[in-house]
Amino acid sequence: KEIEDVAKEEEIDSSRFLEDLDSAWHKCKENIPKNSLGDVERRLNILKTNWEAGKLSLSVQQKMTKLMNCLICGNCDDAHQIHIGLMVDHVTEVSQWMVGIKRLISSFQQQ
């Protein structure tokens, strides 16, 4: 029973993350080259689908939530460092969609 309580404390606010992701996408998509827009959107949709289907580990969810918070606060350097950590530590889990997140970070850096 204690393990369940600890797991509940560590749960992520999925709806907030997905709203923040949508907000970040709409805020910066004009800075993404037109020839990349479709690819970025497709990759972000893979992230959303995997998130909603419960296919992402708690660690990835926590790090992605932190990354998104950094982006929203304008802390692109920390977001980039989290991105690198995810690519190193969870490459098989994030490889399909992380390029989309990298392009979001780059777009925020240009603003």
PDB file of N, CA and C in Angstrom:
ATOM      1  N   LYS A   1       0.818  -1.192   0.000  1.00  0.00           N
ATOM      2  CA  LYS A   1       0.000   0.000   0.000  1.00  0.00           C
ATOM      3  C   LYS A   1       0.866   1.261   0.000  1.00  0.00           C
ATOM      4  N   GLU A   2       1.982   1.263   0.708  1.00  0.00           N
ATOM      5  CA  GLU A   2       2.863   2.431   0.732  1.00  0.00           C
ATOM      6  C   GLU A   2       3.421   2.727  -0.660  1.00  0.00           C
ATOM      7  N   ILE A   3       3.736   1.675  -1.392  1.00  0.00           N
ATOM      8  CA  ILE A   3       4.275   1.861  -2.740  1.00  0.00           C
ATOM      9  C   ILE A   3       3.249   2.572  -3.624  1.00  0.00           C
ATOM     10  N   GLU A   4       1.987   2.201  -3.513  1.00  0.00           N
ATOM     11  CA  GLU A   4       0.939   2.861  -4.292  1.00  0.00           C
ATOM     12  C   GLU A   4       0.839   4.333  -3.932  1.00  0.00           C
ATOM     13  N   ASP A   5       0.943   4.647  -2.634  1.00  0.00           N
ATOM     14  CA  ASP A   5       0.875   6.046  -2.192  1.00  0.00           C
ATOM     15  C   ASP A   5       2.029   6.863  -2.767  1.00  0.00           C
ATOM     16  N   VAL A   6       3.223   6.286  -2.770  1.00  0.00           N
ATOM     17  CA  VAL A   6       4.381   6.977  -3.325  1.00  0.00           C
ATOM     18  C   VAL A   6       4.170   7.205  -4.823  1.00  0.00           C
ATOM     19  N   ALA A   7       3.675   6.197  -5.526  1.00  0.00           N
ATOM     20  CA  ALA A   7       3.446   6.329  -6.968  1.00  0.00           C
ATOM     21  C   ALA A   7       2.438   7.437  -7.252  1.00  0.00           C
ATOM     22  N   LYS A   8       1.400   7.532  -6.441  1.00  0.00           N
ATOM     23  CA  LYS A   8       0.395   8.576  -6.652  1.00  0.00           C
ATOM     24  C   LYS A   8       0.996   9.964  -6.464  1.00  0.00           C
ATOM     25  N   GLU A   9       1.893  10.100  -5.486  1.00  0.00           N
ATOM     26  CA  GLU A   9       2.532  11.392  -5.244  1.00  0.00           C
ATOM     27  C   GLU A   9       3.378  11.821  -6.440  1.00  0.00           C
ATOM     28  N   GLU A  10       3.923  10.848  -7.148  1.00  0.00           N
ATOM     29  CA  GLU A  10       4.817  11.146  -8.256  1.00  0.00           C
ATOM     30  C   GLU A  10       4.083  11.279  -9.584  1.00  0.00           C
ATOM     31  N   GLU A  11       2.764  11.101  -9.576  1.00  0.00           N
ATOM     32  CA  GLU A  11       2.021  11.187 -10.824  1.00  0.00           C
ATOM     33  C   GLU A  11       2.156  12.573 -11.443  1.00  0.00           C
ATOM     34  N   ILE A  12       2.081  12.600 -12.720  1.00  0.00           N
ATOM     35  CA  ILE A  12       2.246  13.817 -13.504  1.00  0.00           C
ATOM     36  C   ILE A  12       0.867  14.328 -13.908  1.00  0.00           C
ATOM     37  N   ASP A  13       0.734  15.647 -13.972  1.00  0.00           N
ATOM     38  CA  ASP A  13      -0.514  16.249 -14.458  1.00  0.00           C
ATOM     39  C   ASP A  13      -0.484  16.197 -15.987  1.00  0.00           C
ATOM     40  N   SER A  14      -0.998  15.101 -16.531  1.00  0.00           N
ATOM     41  CA  SER A  14      -0.927  14.869 -17.973  1.00  0.00           C
ATOM     42  C   SER A  14      -1.661  15.930 -18.776  1.00  0.00           C
ATOM     43  N   SER A  15      -2.837  16.319 -18.313  1.00  0.00           N
ATOM     44  CA  SER A  15      -3.604  17.294 -19.089  1.00  0.00           C
ATOM     45  C   SER A  15      -2.867  18.631 -19.151  1.00  0.00           C
ATOM     46  N   ARG A  16      -2.229  19.017 -18.056  1.00  0.00           N
ATOM     47  CA  ARG A  16      -1.462  20.276 -18.072  1.00  0.00           C
ATOM     48  C   ARG A  16      -0.279  20.182 -19.023  1.00  0.00           C
ATOM     49  N   PHE A  17       0.435  19.050 -18.976  1.00  0.00           N
ATOM     50  CA  PHE A  17       1.566  18.886 -19.884  1.00  0.00           C
ATOM     51  C   PHE A  17       1.110  19.004 -21.330  1.00  0.00           C
ATOM     52  N   LEU A  18       0.036  18.309 -21.680  1.00  0.00           N
ATOM     53  CA  LEU A  18      -0.447  18.324 -23.062  1.00  0.00           C
ATOM     54  C   LEU A  18      -0.923  19.714 -23.471  1.00  0.00           C
ATOM     55  N   GLU A  19      -1.540  20.446 -22.556  1.00  0.00           N
ATOM     56  CA  GLU A  19      -1.937  21.833 -22.844  1.00  0.00           C
ATOM     57  C   GLU A  19      -0.707  22.705 -23.055  1.00  0.00           C
ATOM     58  N   ASP A  20       0.305  22.531 -22.201  1.00  0.00           N
ATOM     59  CA  ASP A  20       1.541  23.307 -22.343  1.00  0.00           C
ATOM     60  C   ASP A  20       2.243  22.994 -23.658  1.00  0.00           C
ATOM     61  N   LEU A  21       2.228  21.720 -24.051  1.00  0.00           N
ATOM     62  CA  LEU A  21       2.839  21.320 -25.312  1.00  0.00           C
ATOM     63  C   LEU A  21       2.119  21.986 -26.486  1.00  0.00           C
ATOM     64  N   ASP A  22       0.798  21.962 -26.471  1.00  0.00           N
ATOM     65  CA  ASP A  22       0.026  22.624 -27.526  1.00  0.00           C
ATOM     66  C   ASP A  22       0.302  24.125 -27.553  1.00  0.00           C
ATOM     67  N   SER A  23       0.347  24.730 -26.385  1.00  0.00           N
ATOM     68  CA  SER A  23       0.611  26.161 -26.286  1.00  0.00           C
ATOM     69  C   SER A  23       1.993  26.498 -26.853  1.00  0.00           C
ATOM     70  N   ALA A  24       2.992  25.707 -26.476  1.00  0.00           N
ATOM     71  CA  ALA A  24       4.354  25.936 -26.972  1.00  0.00           C
ATOM     72  C   ALA A  24       4.402  25.784 -28.488  1.00  0.00           C
ATOM     73  N   TRP A  25       3.715  24.779 -29.007  1.00  0.00           N
ATOM     74  CA  TRP A  25       3.694  24.540 -30.453  1.00  0.00           C
ATOM     75  C   TRP A  25       3.086  25.732 -31.180  1.00  0.00           C
ATOM     76  N   HIS A  26       1.949  26.220 -30.702  1.00  0.00           N
ATOM     77  CA  HIS A  26       1.287  27.335 -31.377  1.00  0.00           C
ATOM     78  C   HIS A  26       2.080  28.628 -31.240  1.00  0.00           C
ATOM     79  N   LYS A  27       2.797  28.775 -30.138  1.00  0.00           N
ATOM     80  CA  LYS A  27       3.578  29.983 -29.909  1.00  0.00           C
ATOM     81  C   LYS A  27       4.788  30.068 -30.837  1.00  0.00           C
ATOM     82  N   CYS A  28       5.345  28.950 -31.204  1.00  0.00           N
ATOM     83  CA  CYS A  28       6.619  29.016 -31.917  1.00  0.00           C
ATOM     84  C   CYS A  28       6.597  28.447 -33.326  1.00  0.00           C
ATOM     85  N   LYS A  29       5.461  27.937 -33.788  1.00  0.00           N
ATOM     86  CA  LYS A  29       5.505  27.278 -35.093  1.00  0.00           C
ATOM     87  C   LYS A  29       5.812  28.227 -36.250  1.00  0.00           C
ATOM     88  N   GLU A  30       5.586  29.529 -36.061  1.00  0.00           N
ATOM     89  CA  GLU A  30       5.942  30.452 -37.148  1.00  0.00           C
ATOM     90  C   GLU A  30       7.451  30.592 -37.313  1.00  0.00           C
ATOM     91  N   ASN A  31       8.229  30.188 -36.287  1.00  0.00           N
ATOM     92  CA  ASN A  31       9.690  30.247 -36.389  1.00  0.00           C
ATOM     93  C   ASN A  31      10.296  28.971 -36.954  1.00  0.00           C
ATOM     94  N   ILE A  32       9.471  27.970 -37.203  1.00  0.00           N
ATOM     95  CA  ILE A  32       9.953  26.692 -37.741  1.00  0.00           C
ATOM     96  C   ILE A  32       9.832  26.750 -39.265  1.00  0.00           C
ATOM     97  N   PRO A  33      10.891  26.369 -39.969  1.00  0.00           N
ATOM     98  CA  PRO A  33      10.833  26.401 -41.439  1.00  0.00           C
ATOM     99  C   PRO A  33       9.621  25.630 -41.968  1.00  0.00           C
ATOM    100  N   LYS A  34       8.992  26.197 -42.980  1.00  0.00           N
ATOM    101  CA  LYS A  34       7.757  25.607 -43.514  1.00  0.00           C
ATOM    102  C   LYS A  34       7.943  24.149 -43.950  1.00  0.00           C
ATOM    103  N   ASN A  35       9.109  23.830 -44.479  1.00  0.00           N
ATOM    104  CA  ASN A  35       9.334  22.451 -44.931  1.00  0.00           C
ATOM    105  C   ASN A  35       9.483  21.467 -43.765  1.00  0.00           C
ATOM    106  N   SER A  36       9.616  21.966 -42.544  1.00  0.00           N
ATOM    107  CA  SER A  36       9.732  21.102 -41.359  1.00  0.00           C
ATOM    108  C   SER A  36       8.456  21.037 -40.537  1.00  0.00           C
ATOM    109  N   LEU A  37       7.499  21.925 -40.803  1.00  0.00           N
ATOM    110  CA  LEU A  37       6.288  22.009 -39.974  1.00  0.00           C
ATOM    111  C   LEU A  37       5.547  20.682 -39.871  1.00  0.00           C
ATOM    112  N   GLY A  38       5.327  20.029 -41.004  1.00  0.00           N
ATOM    113  CA  GLY A  38       4.588  18.771 -41.007  1.00  0.00           C
ATOM    114  C   GLY A  38       5.290  17.700 -40.196  1.00  0.00           C
ATOM    115  N   ASP A  39       6.610  17.622 -40.321  1.00  0.00           N
ATOM    116  CA  ASP A  39       7.383  16.622 -39.587  1.00  0.00           C
ATOM    117  C   ASP A  39       7.334  16.895 -38.088  1.00  0.00           C
ATOM    118  N   VAL A  40       7.497  18.154 -37.699  1.00  0.00           N
ATOM    119  CA  VAL A  40       7.464  18.502 -36.275  1.00  0.00           C
ATOM    120  C   VAL A  40       6.091  18.182 -35.704  1.00  0.00           C
ATOM    121  N   GLU A  41       5.046  18.565 -36.407  1.00  0.00           N
ATOM    122  CA  GLU A  41       3.694  18.307 -35.920  1.00  0.00           C
ATOM    123  C   GLU A  41       3.427  16.804 -35.797  1.00  0.00           C
ATOM    124  N   ARG A  42       3.897  16.037 -36.762  1.00  0.00           N
ATOM    125  CA  ARG A  42       3.726  14.579 -36.727  1.00  0.00           C
ATOM    126  C   ARG A  42       4.437  13.985 -35.505  1.00  0.00           C
ATOM    127  N   ARG A  43       5.651  14.448 -35.249  1.00  0.00           N
ATOM    128  CA  ARG A  43       6.419  13.937 -34.105  1.00  0.00           C
ATOM    129  C   ARG A  43       5.771  14.332 -32.771  1.00  0.00           C
ATOM    130  N   LEU A  44       5.278  15.552 -32.675  1.00  0.00           N
ATOM    131  CA  LEU A  44       4.606  15.972 -31.445  1.00  0.00           C
ATOM    132  C   LEU A  44       3.326  15.170 -31.236  1.00  0.00           C
ATOM    133  N   ASN A  45       2.652  14.817 -32.327  1.00  0.00           N
ATOM    134  CA  ASN A  45       1.464  13.966 -32.210  1.00  0.00           C
ATOM    135  C   ASN A  45       1.819  12.559 -31.726  1.00  0.00           C
ATOM    136  N   ILE A  46       2.973  12.051 -32.127  1.00  0.00           N
ATOM    137  CA  ILE A  46       3.436  10.754 -31.619  1.00  0.00           C
ATOM    138  C   ILE A  46       3.665  10.855 -30.114  1.00  0.00           C
ATOM    139  N   LEU A  47       4.306  11.943 -29.682  1.00  0.00           N
ATOM    140  CA  LEU A  47       4.519  12.161 -28.245  1.00  0.00           C
ATOM    141  C   LEU A  47       3.188  12.177 -27.507  1.00  0.00           C
ATOM    142  N   LYS A  48       2.230  12.953 -28.010  1.00  0.00           N
ATOM    143  CA  LYS A  48       0.916  13.043 -27.356  1.00  0.00           C
ATOM    144  C   LYS A  48       0.241  11.681 -27.282  1.00  0.00           C
ATOM    145  N   THR A  49       0.259  10.947 -28.382  1.00  0.00           N
ATOM    146  CA  THR A  49      -0.382   9.625 -28.432  1.00  0.00           C
ATOM    147  C   THR A  49       0.266   8.676 -27.430  1.00  0.00           C
ATOM    148  N   ASN A  50       1.607   8.649 -27.409  1.00  0.00           N
ATOM    149  CA  ASN A  50       2.307   7.779 -26.467  1.00  0.00           C
ATOM    150  C   ASN A  50       2.032   8.184 -25.019  1.00  0.00           C
ATOM    151  N   TRP A  51       1.985   9.480 -24.767  1.00  0.00           N
ATOM    152  CA  TRP A  51       1.716   9.990 -23.424  1.00  0.00           C
ATOM    153  C   TRP A  51       0.314   9.545 -22.978  1.00  0.00           C
ATOM    154  N   GLU A  52      -0.672   9.797 -23.832  1.00  0.00           N
ATOM    155  CA  GLU A  52      -2.064   9.479 -23.495  1.00  0.00           C
ATOM    156  C   GLU A  52      -2.294   7.978 -23.356  1.00  0.00           C
ATOM    157  N   ALA A  53      -1.520   7.177 -24.087  1.00  0.00           N
ATOM    158  CA  ALA A  53      -1.669   5.726 -24.039  1.00  0.00           C
ATOM    159  C   ALA A  53      -0.891   5.109 -22.875  1.00  0.00           C
ATOM    160  N   GLY A  54      -0.178   5.939 -22.114  1.00  0.00           N
ATOM    161  CA  GLY A  54       0.585   5.432 -20.979  1.00  0.00           C
ATOM    162  C   GLY A  54       1.833   4.673 -21.382  1.00  0.00           C
ATOM    163  N   LYS A  55       2.377   4.988 -22.547  1.00  0.00           N
ATOM    164  CA  LYS A  55       3.548   4.270 -23.047  1.00  0.00           C
ATOM    165  C   LYS A  55       4.872   4.879 -22.594  1.00  0.00           C
ATOM    166  N   LEU A  56       4.823   6.004 -21.891  1.00  0.00           N
ATOM    167  CA  LEU A  56       6.048   6.656 -21.447  1.00  0.00           C
ATOM    168  C   LEU A  56       6.282   6.381 -19.966  1.00  0.00           C
ATOM    169  N   SER A  57       7.531   6.107 -19.631  1.00  0.00           N
ATOM    170  CA  SER A  57       7.879   5.842 -18.238  1.00  0.00           C
ATOM    171  C   SER A  57       7.674   7.099 -17.396  1.00  0.00           C
ATOM    172  N   LEU A  58       7.550   6.892 -16.107  1.00  0.00           N
ATOM    173  CA  LEU A  58       7.392   8.018 -15.187  1.00  0.00           C
ATOM    174  C   LEU A  58       8.580   8.966 -15.285  1.00  0.00           C
ATOM    175  N   SER A  59       9.777   8.405 -15.411  1.00  0.00           N
ATOM    176  CA  SER A  59      10.984   9.227 -15.513  1.00  0.00           C
ATOM    177  C   SER A  59      10.924  10.146 -16.736  1.00  0.00           C
ATOM    178  N   VAL A  60      10.513   9.616 -17.875  1.00  0.00           N
ATOM    179  CA  VAL A  60      10.403  10.426 -19.095  1.00  0.00           C
ATOM    180  C   VAL A  60       9.319  11.483 -18.916  1.00  0.00           C
ATOM    181  N   GLN A  61       8.198  11.114 -18.325  1.00  0.00           N
ATOM    182  CA  GLN A  61       7.130  12.086 -18.092  1.00  0.00           C
ATOM    183  C   GLN A  61       7.609  13.220 -17.184  1.00  0.00           C
ATOM    184  N   GLN A  62       8.322  12.868 -16.131  1.00  0.00           N
ATOM    185  CA  GLN A  62       8.823  13.900 -15.210  1.00  0.00           C
ATOM    186  C   GLN A  62       9.798  14.835 -15.913  1.00  0.00           C
ATOM    187  N   LYS A  63      10.709  14.254 -16.682  1.00  0.00           N
ATOM    188  CA  LYS A  63      11.710  15.075 -17.379  1.00  0.00           C
ATOM    189  C   LYS A  63      11.072  15.934 -18.465  1.00  0.00           C
ATOM    190  N   MET A  64      10.080  15.386 -19.164  1.00  0.00           N
ATOM    191  CA  MET A  64       9.406  16.167 -20.193  1.00  0.00           C
ATOM    192  C   MET A  64       8.587  17.301 -19.574  1.00  0.00           C
ATOM    193  N   THR A  65       7.994  17.043 -18.420  1.00  0.00           N
ATOM    194  CA  THR A  65       7.259  18.099 -17.723  1.00  0.00           C
ATOM    195  C   THR A  65       8.211  19.215 -17.317  1.00  0.00           C
ATOM    196  N   LYS A  66       9.368  18.841 -16.811  1.00  0.00           N
ATOM    197  CA  LYS A  66      10.383  19.835 -16.418  1.00  0.00           C
ATOM    198  C   LYS A  66      10.880  20.596 -17.646  1.00  0.00           C
ATOM    199  N   LEU A  67      11.120  19.878 -18.749  1.00  0.00           N
ATOM    200  CA  LEU A  67      11.565  20.503 -19.990  1.00  0.00           C
ATOM    201  C   LEU A  67      10.539  21.521 -20.471  1.00  0.00           C
ATOM    202  N   MET A  68       9.276  21.144 -20.450  1.00  0.00           N
ATOM    203  CA  MET A  68       8.216  22.044 -20.924  1.00  0.00           C
ATOM    204  C   MET A  68       8.123  23.273 -20.022  1.00  0.00           C
ATOM    205  N   ASN A  69       8.270  23.084 -18.714  1.00  0.00           N
ATOM    206  CA  ASN A  69       8.255  24.221 -17.788  1.00  0.00           C
ATOM    207  C   ASN A  69       9.414  25.167 -18.081  1.00  0.00           C
ATOM    208  N   CYS A  70      10.580  24.611 -18.372  1.00  0.00           N
ATOM    209  CA  CYS A  70      11.737  25.442 -18.724  1.00  0.00           C
ATOM    210  C   CYS A  70      11.454  26.252 -19.984  1.00  0.00           C
ATOM    211  N   LEU A  71      10.879  25.615 -21.004  1.00  0.00           N
ATOM    212  CA  LEU A  71      10.570  26.323 -22.248  1.00  0.00           C
ATOM    213  C   LEU A  71       9.604  27.473 -22.002  1.00  0.00           C
ATOM    214  N   ILE A  72       8.539  27.184 -21.266  1.00  0.00           N
ATOM    215  CA  ILE A  72       7.517  28.199 -21.014  1.00  0.00           C
ATOM    216  C   ILE A  72       8.098  29.387 -20.248  1.00  0.00           C
ATOM    217  N   CYS A  73       9.054  29.105 -19.358  1.00  0.00           N
ATOM    218  CA  CYS A  73       9.691  30.172 -18.574  1.00  0.00           C
ATOM    219  C   CYS A  73      10.827  30.845 -19.336  1.00  0.00           C
ATOM    220  N   GLY A  74      11.111  30.381 -20.558  1.00  0.00           N
ATOM    221  CA  GLY A  74      12.154  30.985 -21.366  1.00  0.00           C
ATOM    222  C   GLY A  74      13.551  30.486 -21.053  1.00  0.00           C
ATOM    223  N   ASN A  75      13.655  29.400 -20.311  1.00  0.00           N
ATOM    224  CA  ASN A  75      14.960  28.862 -19.950  1.00  0.00           C
ATOM    225  C   ASN A  75      15.351  27.762 -20.952  1.00  0.00           C
ATOM    226  N   CYS A  76      15.731  28.194 -22.128  1.00  0.00           N
ATOM    227  CA  CYS A  76      16.009  27.268 -23.225  1.00  0.00           C
ATOM    228  C   CYS A  76      17.257  26.427 -22.979  1.00  0.00           C
ATOM    229  N   ASP A  77      18.233  26.980 -22.266  1.00  0.00           N
ATOM    230  CA  ASP A  77      19.461  26.221 -22.001  1.00  0.00           C
ATOM    231  C   ASP A  77      19.170  24.988 -21.146  1.00  0.00           C
ATOM    232  N   ASP A  78      18.373  25.158 -20.089  1.00  0.00           N
ATOM    233  CA  ASP A  78      18.015  24.013 -19.253  1.00  0.00           C
ATOM    234  C   ASP A  78      17.148  23.029 -20.033  1.00  0.00           C
ATOM    235  N   ALA A  79      16.220  23.537 -20.841  1.00  0.00           N
ATOM    236  CA  ALA A  79      15.381  22.661 -21.665  1.00  0.00           C
ATOM    237  C   ALA A  79      16.262  21.822 -22.587  1.00  0.00           C
ATOM    238  N   HIS A  80      17.280  22.463 -23.165  1.00  0.00           N
ATOM    239  CA  HIS A  80      18.193  21.750 -24.058  1.00  0.00           C
ATOM    240  C   HIS A  80      18.970  20.665 -23.307  1.00  0.00           C
ATOM    241  N   GLN A  81      19.425  20.971 -22.102  1.00  0.00           N
ATOM    242  CA  GLN A  81      20.162  19.991 -21.298  1.00  0.00           C
ATOM    243  C   GLN A  81      19.277  18.791 -20.941  1.00  0.00           C
ATOM    244  N   ILE A  82      18.020  19.056 -20.604  1.00  0.00           N
ATOM    245  CA  ILE A  82      17.082  17.959 -20.301  1.00  0.00           C
ATOM    246  C   ILE A  82      16.869  17.110 -21.550  1.00  0.00           C
ATOM    247  N   HIS A  83      16.738  17.773 -22.694  1.00  0.00           N
ATOM    248  CA  HIS A  83      16.591  17.074 -23.983  1.00  0.00           C
ATOM    249  C   HIS A  83      17.768  16.131 -24.221  1.00  0.00           C
ATOM    250  N   ILE A  84      18.966  16.617 -23.989  1.00  0.00           N
ATOM    251  CA  ILE A  84      20.166  15.782 -24.183  1.00  0.00           C
ATOM    252  C   ILE A  84      20.138  14.592 -23.228  1.00  0.00           C
ATOM    253  N   GLY A  85      19.790  14.838 -21.968  1.00  0.00           N
ATOM    254  CA  GLY A  85      19.708  13.760 -20.992  1.00  0.00           C
ATOM    255  C   GLY A  85      18.706  12.686 -21.393  1.00  0.00           C
ATOM    256  N   LEU A  86      17.569  13.122 -21.910  1.00  0.00           N
ATOM    257  CA  LEU A  86      16.555  12.166 -22.371  1.00  0.00           C
ATOM    258  C   LEU A  86      17.082  11.336 -23.541  1.00  0.00           C
ATOM    259  N   MET A  87      17.788  11.973 -24.452  1.00  0.00           N
ATOM    260  CA  MET A  87      18.328  11.253 -25.604  1.00  0.00           C
ATOM    261  C   MET A  87      19.383  10.233 -25.173  1.00  0.00           C
ATOM    262  N   VAL A  88      20.144  10.550 -24.146  1.00  0.00           N
ATOM    263  CA  VAL A  88      21.176   9.635 -23.670  1.00  0.00           C
ATOM    264  C   VAL A  88      20.571   8.502 -22.838  1.00  0.00           C
ATOM    265  N   ASP A  89      19.683   8.855 -21.926  1.00  0.00           N
ATOM    266  CA  ASP A  89      19.174   7.881 -20.951  1.00  0.00           C
ATOM    267  C   ASP A  89      17.968   7.073 -21.419  1.00  0.00           C
ATOM    268  N   HIS A  90      17.208   7.607 -22.374  1.00  0.00           N
ATOM    269  CA  HIS A  90      15.946   6.965 -22.772  1.00  0.00           C
ATOM    270  C   HIS A  90      15.783   6.942 -24.287  1.00  0.00           C
ATOM    271  N   VAL A  91      16.858   6.720 -25.010  1.00  0.00           N
ATOM    272  CA  VAL A  91      16.844   6.889 -26.460  1.00  0.00           C
ATOM    273  C   VAL A  91      15.759   6.049 -27.144  1.00  0.00           C
ATOM    274  N   THR A  92      15.569   4.811 -26.746  1.00  0.00           N
ATOM    275  CA  THR A  92      14.570   3.984 -27.436  1.00  0.00           C
ATOM    276  C   THR A  92      13.152   4.478 -27.167  1.00  0.00           C
ATOM    277  N   GLU A  93      12.946   5.078 -26.010  1.00  0.00           N
ATOM    278  CA  GLU A  93      11.609   5.549 -25.649  1.00  0.00           C
ATOM    279  C   GLU A  93      11.253   6.880 -26.314  1.00  0.00           C
ATOM    280  N   VAL A  94      12.255   7.707 -26.588  1.00  0.00           N
ATOM    281  CA  VAL A  94      11.975   9.072 -27.065  1.00  0.00           C
ATOM    282  C   VAL A  94      12.389   9.328 -28.514  1.00  0.00           C
ATOM    283  N   SER A  95      13.042   8.368 -29.145  1.00  0.00           N
ATOM    284  CA  SER A  95      13.648   8.646 -30.453  1.00  0.00           C
ATOM    285  C   SER A  95      12.647   9.036 -31.536  1.00  0.00           C
ATOM    286  N   GLN A  96      11.415   8.518 -31.477  1.00  0.00           N
ATOM    287  CA  GLN A  96      10.430   8.824 -32.528  1.00  0.00           C
ATOM    288  C   GLN A  96       9.986  10.278 -32.517  1.00  0.00           C
ATOM    289  N   TRP A  97       9.989  10.919 -31.359  1.00  0.00           N
ATOM    290  CA  TRP A  97       9.412  12.257 -31.269  1.00  0.00           C
ATOM    291  C   TRP A  97      10.358  13.331 -30.757  1.00  0.00           C
ATOM    292  N   MET A  98      11.540  12.978 -30.298  1.00  0.00           N
ATOM    293  CA  MET A  98      12.421  13.976 -29.685  1.00  0.00           C
ATOM    294  C   MET A  98      12.909  15.026 -30.671  1.00  0.00           C
ATOM    295  N   VAL A  99      13.004  14.694 -31.945  1.00  0.00           N
ATOM    296  CA  VAL A  99      13.418  15.703 -32.935  1.00  0.00           C
ATOM    297  C   VAL A  99      12.412  16.857 -32.942  1.00  0.00           C
ATOM    298  N   GLY A 100      11.133  16.546 -32.783  1.00  0.00           N
ATOM    299  CA  GLY A 100      10.115  17.601 -32.705  1.00  0.00           C
ATOM    300  C   GLY A 100      10.333  18.508 -31.512  1.00  0.00           C
ATOM    301  N   ILE A 101      10.691  17.929 -30.367  1.00  0.00           N
ATOM    302  CA  ILE A 101      10.971  18.725 -29.165  1.00  0.00           C
ATOM    303  C   ILE A 101      12.225  19.565 -29.377  1.00  0.00           C
ATOM    304  N   LYS A 102      13.226  18.986 -30.021  1.00  0.00           N
ATOM    305  CA  LYS A 102      14.460  19.738 -30.295  1.00  0.00           C
ATOM    306  C   LYS A 102      14.160  20.957 -31.169  1.00  0.00           C
ATOM    307  N   ARG A 103      13.287  20.780 -32.149  1.00  0.00           N
ATOM    308  CA  ARG A 103      12.932  21.912 -33.019  1.00  0.00           C
ATOM    309  C   ARG A 103      12.131  22.967 -32.247  1.00  0.00           C
ATOM    310  N   LEU A 104      11.286  22.523 -31.305  1.00  0.00           N
ATOM    311  CA  LEU A 104      10.578  23.491 -30.447  1.00  0.00           C
ATOM    312  C   LEU A 104      11.580  24.318 -29.648  1.00  0.00           C
ATOM    313  N   ILE A 105      12.545  23.640 -29.053  1.00  0.00           N
ATOM    314  CA  ILE A 105      13.561  24.337 -28.258  1.00  0.00           C
ATOM    315  C   ILE A 105      14.302  25.344 -29.132  1.00  0.00           C
ATOM    316  N   SER A 106      14.718  24.914 -30.324  1.00  0.00           N
ATOM    317  CA  SER A 106      15.426  25.820 -31.240  1.00  0.00           C
ATOM    318  C   SER A 106      14.585  27.024 -31.609  1.00  0.00           C
ATOM    319  N   SER A 107      13.298  26.783 -31.811  1.00  0.00           N
ATOM    320  CA  SER A 107      12.395  27.866 -32.162  1.00  0.00           C
ATOM    321  C   SER A 107      12.262  28.864 -31.015  1.00  0.00           C
ATOM    322  N   PHE A 108      12.184  28.365 -29.803  1.00  0.00           N
ATOM    323  CA  PHE A 108      12.109  29.249 -28.635  1.00  0.00           C
ATOM    324  C   PHE A 108      13.394  30.042 -28.478  1.00  0.00           C
ATOM    325  N   GLN A 109      14.537  29.437 -28.803  1.00  0.00           N
ATOM    326  CA  GLN A 109      15.818  30.137 -28.701  1.00  0.00           C
ATOM    327  C   GLN A 109      15.894  31.302 -29.692  1.00  0.00           C
ATOM    328  N   GLN A 110      15.177  31.199 -30.810  1.00  0.00           N
ATOM    329  CA  GLN A 110      15.195  32.251 -31.829  1.00  0.00           C
ATOM    330  C   GLN A 110      14.323  33.426 -31.456  1.00  0.00           C
ATOM    331  N   GLN A 111      13.417  33.246 -30.501  1.00  0.00           N
ATOM    332  CA  GLN A 111      12.483  34.323 -30.148  1.00  0.00           C
ATOM    333  C   GLN A 111      13.154  35.386 -29.315  1.00  0.00           C
TER     334      GLN A 111
END
